[in-house]
Amino acid sequence: MPELNWQKSSFSGGPDQNCLYMATAPDGTIHLRESDTPHTILATAPQGLAALLRHVKDRTAKRRFQGA
């Protein structure tokens, strides 16, 4: 596998300094890893990540609307 150019998420940091890193492989696959477990890498197609983010946003919006 070619070396990936990891970029830290703009939402990373906080009191525990936990960071999420993302990189795109030459084939378009998106790779994700956390700073505390850098050797564990999740790989997904852009469509899969987009679907996950939509799901999380929808659930967050529903909770806010319901007051939970």
N, C-alpha and C. Protein backbone atom coordinates (compact mmCIF):
# COMPACT_ATOMS: atom_id res chain seq x y z
N MET A 1 0.85 -1.18 0.00
CA MET A 1 0.00 0.00 0.00
C MET A 1 0.89 1.24 0.00
N PRO A 2 0.58 2.23 -0.83
CA PRO A 2 1.38 3.45 -0.85
C PRO A 2 1.23 4.22 0.46
N GLU A 3 2.21 5.03 0.77
CA GLU A 3 2.14 5.85 1.98
C GLU A 3 1.01 6.85 1.85
N LEU A 4 0.27 7.02 2.93
CA LEU A 4 -0.89 7.91 2.92
C LEU A 4 -0.51 9.25 3.54
N ASN A 5 -1.13 10.30 3.07
CA ASN A 5 -0.94 11.65 3.61
C ASN A 5 -2.06 11.92 4.61
N TRP A 6 -1.77 11.66 5.90
CA TRP A 6 -2.78 11.79 6.95
C TRP A 6 -3.01 13.26 7.29
N GLN A 7 -4.28 13.64 7.47
CA GLN A 7 -4.64 14.99 7.87
C GLN A 7 -5.50 14.92 9.12
N LYS A 8 -5.19 15.78 10.08
CA LYS A 8 -5.95 15.80 11.34
C LYS A 8 -7.26 16.53 11.13
N SER A 9 -8.33 15.97 11.67
CA SER A 9 -9.64 16.58 11.60
C SER A 9 -9.64 17.92 12.33
N SER A 10 -10.39 18.86 11.79
CA SER A 10 -10.49 20.19 12.43
C SER A 10 -11.26 20.11 13.74
N PHE A 11 -11.99 19.01 13.99
CA PHE A 11 -12.74 18.84 15.24
C PHE A 11 -11.93 18.09 16.29
N SER A 12 -10.68 17.77 15.99
CA SER A 12 -9.86 17.01 16.93
C SER A 12 -9.36 17.90 18.05
N GLY A 13 -8.93 17.26 19.12
CA GLY A 13 -8.38 18.00 20.25
C GLY A 13 -9.23 17.79 21.48
N GLY A 14 -9.43 18.83 22.23
CA GLY A 14 -10.20 18.72 23.46
C GLY A 14 -9.29 18.40 24.63
N PRO A 15 -9.90 18.21 25.79
CA PRO A 15 -9.10 18.00 27.00
C PRO A 15 -8.26 16.72 26.97
N ASP A 16 -8.73 15.68 26.27
CA ASP A 16 -7.99 14.42 26.21
C ASP A 16 -7.04 14.35 25.02
N GLN A 17 -7.05 15.37 24.18
CA GLN A 17 -6.20 15.43 22.99
C GLN A 17 -6.41 14.25 22.05
N ASN A 18 -7.64 13.74 21.98
CA ASN A 18 -7.96 12.68 21.03
C ASN A 18 -8.13 13.28 19.65
N CYS A 19 -7.51 12.65 18.67
CA CYS A 19 -7.54 13.19 17.32
C CYS A 19 -7.98 12.13 16.32
N LEU A 20 -8.72 12.56 15.32
CA LEU A 20 -9.13 11.71 14.22
C LEU A 20 -8.34 12.16 12.99
N TYR A 21 -7.75 11.19 12.30
CA TYR A 21 -6.98 11.48 11.10
C TYR A 21 -7.65 10.83 9.89
N MET A 22 -7.59 11.50 8.75
CA MET A 22 -8.16 10.99 7.51
C MET A 22 -7.11 11.05 6.41
N ALA A 23 -7.19 10.09 5.48
CA ALA A 23 -6.33 10.10 4.31
C ALA A 23 -7.09 9.45 3.16
N THR A 24 -6.78 9.87 1.95
CA THR A 24 -7.38 9.29 0.76
C THR A 24 -6.32 8.54 -0.01
N ALA A 25 -6.58 7.28 -0.33
CA ALA A 25 -5.66 6.46 -1.10
C ALA A 25 -5.80 6.79 -2.59
N PRO A 26 -4.81 6.43 -3.38
CA PRO A 26 -4.88 6.70 -4.83
C PRO A 26 -6.14 6.13 -5.50
N ASP A 27 -6.71 5.05 -4.96
CA ASP A 27 -7.91 4.46 -5.55
C ASP A 27 -9.20 5.15 -5.08
N GLY A 28 -9.08 6.19 -4.25
CA GLY A 28 -10.24 6.94 -3.77
C GLY A 28 -10.78 6.47 -2.44
N THR A 29 -10.26 5.37 -1.92
CA THR A 29 -10.69 4.86 -0.62
C THR A 29 -10.29 5.83 0.49
N ILE A 30 -11.21 6.07 1.41
CA ILE A 30 -10.93 6.96 2.54
C ILE A 30 -10.51 6.11 3.73
N HIS A 31 -9.44 6.51 4.39
CA HIS A 31 -8.91 5.80 5.54
C HIS A 31 -9.03 6.70 6.77
N LEU A 32 -9.46 6.12 7.88
CA LEU A 32 -9.64 6.85 9.14
C LEU A 32 -8.88 6.13 10.24
N ARG A 33 -8.30 6.91 11.15
CA ARG A 33 -7.64 6.32 12.32
C ARG A 33 -7.71 7.33 13.47
N GLU A 34 -7.58 6.82 14.69
CA GLU A 34 -7.56 7.66 15.87
C GLU A 34 -6.13 7.76 16.39
N SER A 35 -5.83 8.85 17.06
CA SER A 35 -4.47 9.06 17.57
C SER A 35 -4.09 8.04 18.63
N ASP A 36 -5.06 7.56 19.41
CA ASP A 36 -4.72 6.61 20.47
C ASP A 36 -4.55 5.17 19.97
N THR A 37 -5.02 4.88 18.75
CA THR A 37 -4.82 3.56 18.14
C THR A 37 -4.44 3.74 16.66
N PRO A 38 -3.27 4.29 16.38
CA PRO A 38 -2.90 4.64 15.00
C PRO A 38 -2.73 3.45 14.06
N HIS A 39 -2.58 2.24 14.60
CA HIS A 39 -2.40 1.08 13.72
C HIS A 39 -3.72 0.43 13.35
N THR A 40 -4.81 0.90 13.95
CA THR A 40 -6.15 0.43 13.59
C THR A 40 -6.73 1.42 12.61
N ILE A 41 -6.93 0.96 11.37
CA ILE A 41 -7.37 1.85 10.31
C ILE A 41 -8.67 1.33 9.70
N LEU A 42 -9.64 2.21 9.60
CA LEU A 42 -10.91 1.90 8.95
C LEU A 42 -10.84 2.43 7.52
N ALA A 43 -11.14 1.59 6.55
CA ALA A 43 -11.14 2.01 5.15
C ALA A 43 -12.56 1.90 4.60
N THR A 44 -12.98 2.90 3.85
CA THR A 44 -14.33 2.92 3.30
C THR A 44 -14.35 3.68 1.98
N ALA A 45 -15.36 3.43 1.20
CA ALA A 45 -15.59 4.21 -0.01
C ALA A 45 -16.20 5.55 0.40
N PRO A 46 -16.01 6.59 -0.40
CA PRO A 46 -16.60 7.89 -0.04
C PRO A 46 -18.11 7.81 0.18
N GLN A 47 -18.80 6.98 -0.58
CA GLN A 47 -20.26 6.86 -0.42
C GLN A 47 -20.61 6.27 0.94
N GLY A 48 -19.83 5.34 1.42
CA GLY A 48 -20.08 4.74 2.73
C GLY A 48 -19.90 5.74 3.85
N LEU A 49 -18.84 6.54 3.77
CA LEU A 49 -18.60 7.57 4.79
C LEU A 49 -19.70 8.63 4.73
N ALA A 50 -20.11 9.02 3.54
CA ALA A 50 -21.18 10.01 3.40
C ALA A 50 -22.47 9.50 4.02
N ALA A 51 -22.79 8.21 3.82
CA ALA A 51 -24.00 7.63 4.39
C ALA A 51 -23.92 7.61 5.92
N LEU A 52 -22.76 7.26 6.46
CA LEU A 52 -22.58 7.26 7.92
C LEU A 52 -22.77 8.66 8.48
N LEU A 53 -22.17 9.65 7.87
CA LEU A 53 -22.28 11.04 8.36
C LEU A 53 -23.73 11.53 8.29
N ARG A 54 -24.45 11.20 7.21
CA ARG A 54 -25.87 11.58 7.11
C ARG A 54 -26.66 10.95 8.24
N HIS A 55 -26.41 9.68 8.52
CA HIS A 55 -27.12 8.97 9.59
C HIS A 55 -26.87 9.63 10.95
N VAL A 56 -25.61 9.93 11.23
CA VAL A 56 -25.26 10.56 12.52
C VAL A 56 -25.91 11.93 12.63
N LYS A 57 -25.85 12.72 11.56
CA LYS A 57 -26.47 14.05 11.59
C LYS A 57 -27.98 13.94 11.79
N ASP A 58 -28.62 13.01 11.10
CA ASP A 58 -30.07 12.84 11.23
C ASP A 58 -30.45 12.47 12.66
N ARG A 59 -29.72 11.53 13.25
CA ARG A 59 -30.02 11.11 14.63
C ARG A 59 -29.78 12.26 15.61
N THR A 60 -28.72 13.03 15.39
CA THR A 60 -28.43 14.17 16.26
C THR A 60 -29.55 15.20 16.17
N ALA A 61 -29.99 15.47 14.94
CA ALA A 61 -31.07 16.45 14.74
C ALA A 61 -32.36 15.97 15.40
N LYS A 62 -32.67 14.69 15.28
CA LYS A 62 -33.88 14.16 15.90
C LYS A 62 -33.82 14.27 17.42
N ARG A 63 -32.67 14.00 18.00
CA ARG A 63 -32.54 14.11 19.46
C ARG A 63 -32.72 15.55 19.92
N ARG A 64 -32.16 16.49 19.17
CA ARG A 64 -32.33 17.89 19.54
C ARG A 64 -33.78 18.30 19.45
N PHE A 65 -34.45 17.84 18.38
CA PHE A 65 -35.85 18.18 18.19
C PHE A 65 -36.72 17.59 19.30
N GLN A 66 -36.39 16.38 19.73
CA GLN A 66 -37.18 15.70 20.76
C GLN A 66 -36.77 16.13 22.17
N GLY A 67 -35.68 16.89 22.29
CA GLY A 67 -35.26 17.37 23.59
C GLY A 67 -34.52 16.33 24.41
N ALA A 68 -34.03 15.28 23.76
CA ALA A 68 -33.30 14.21 24.48
C ALA A 68 -31.84 14.54 24.61
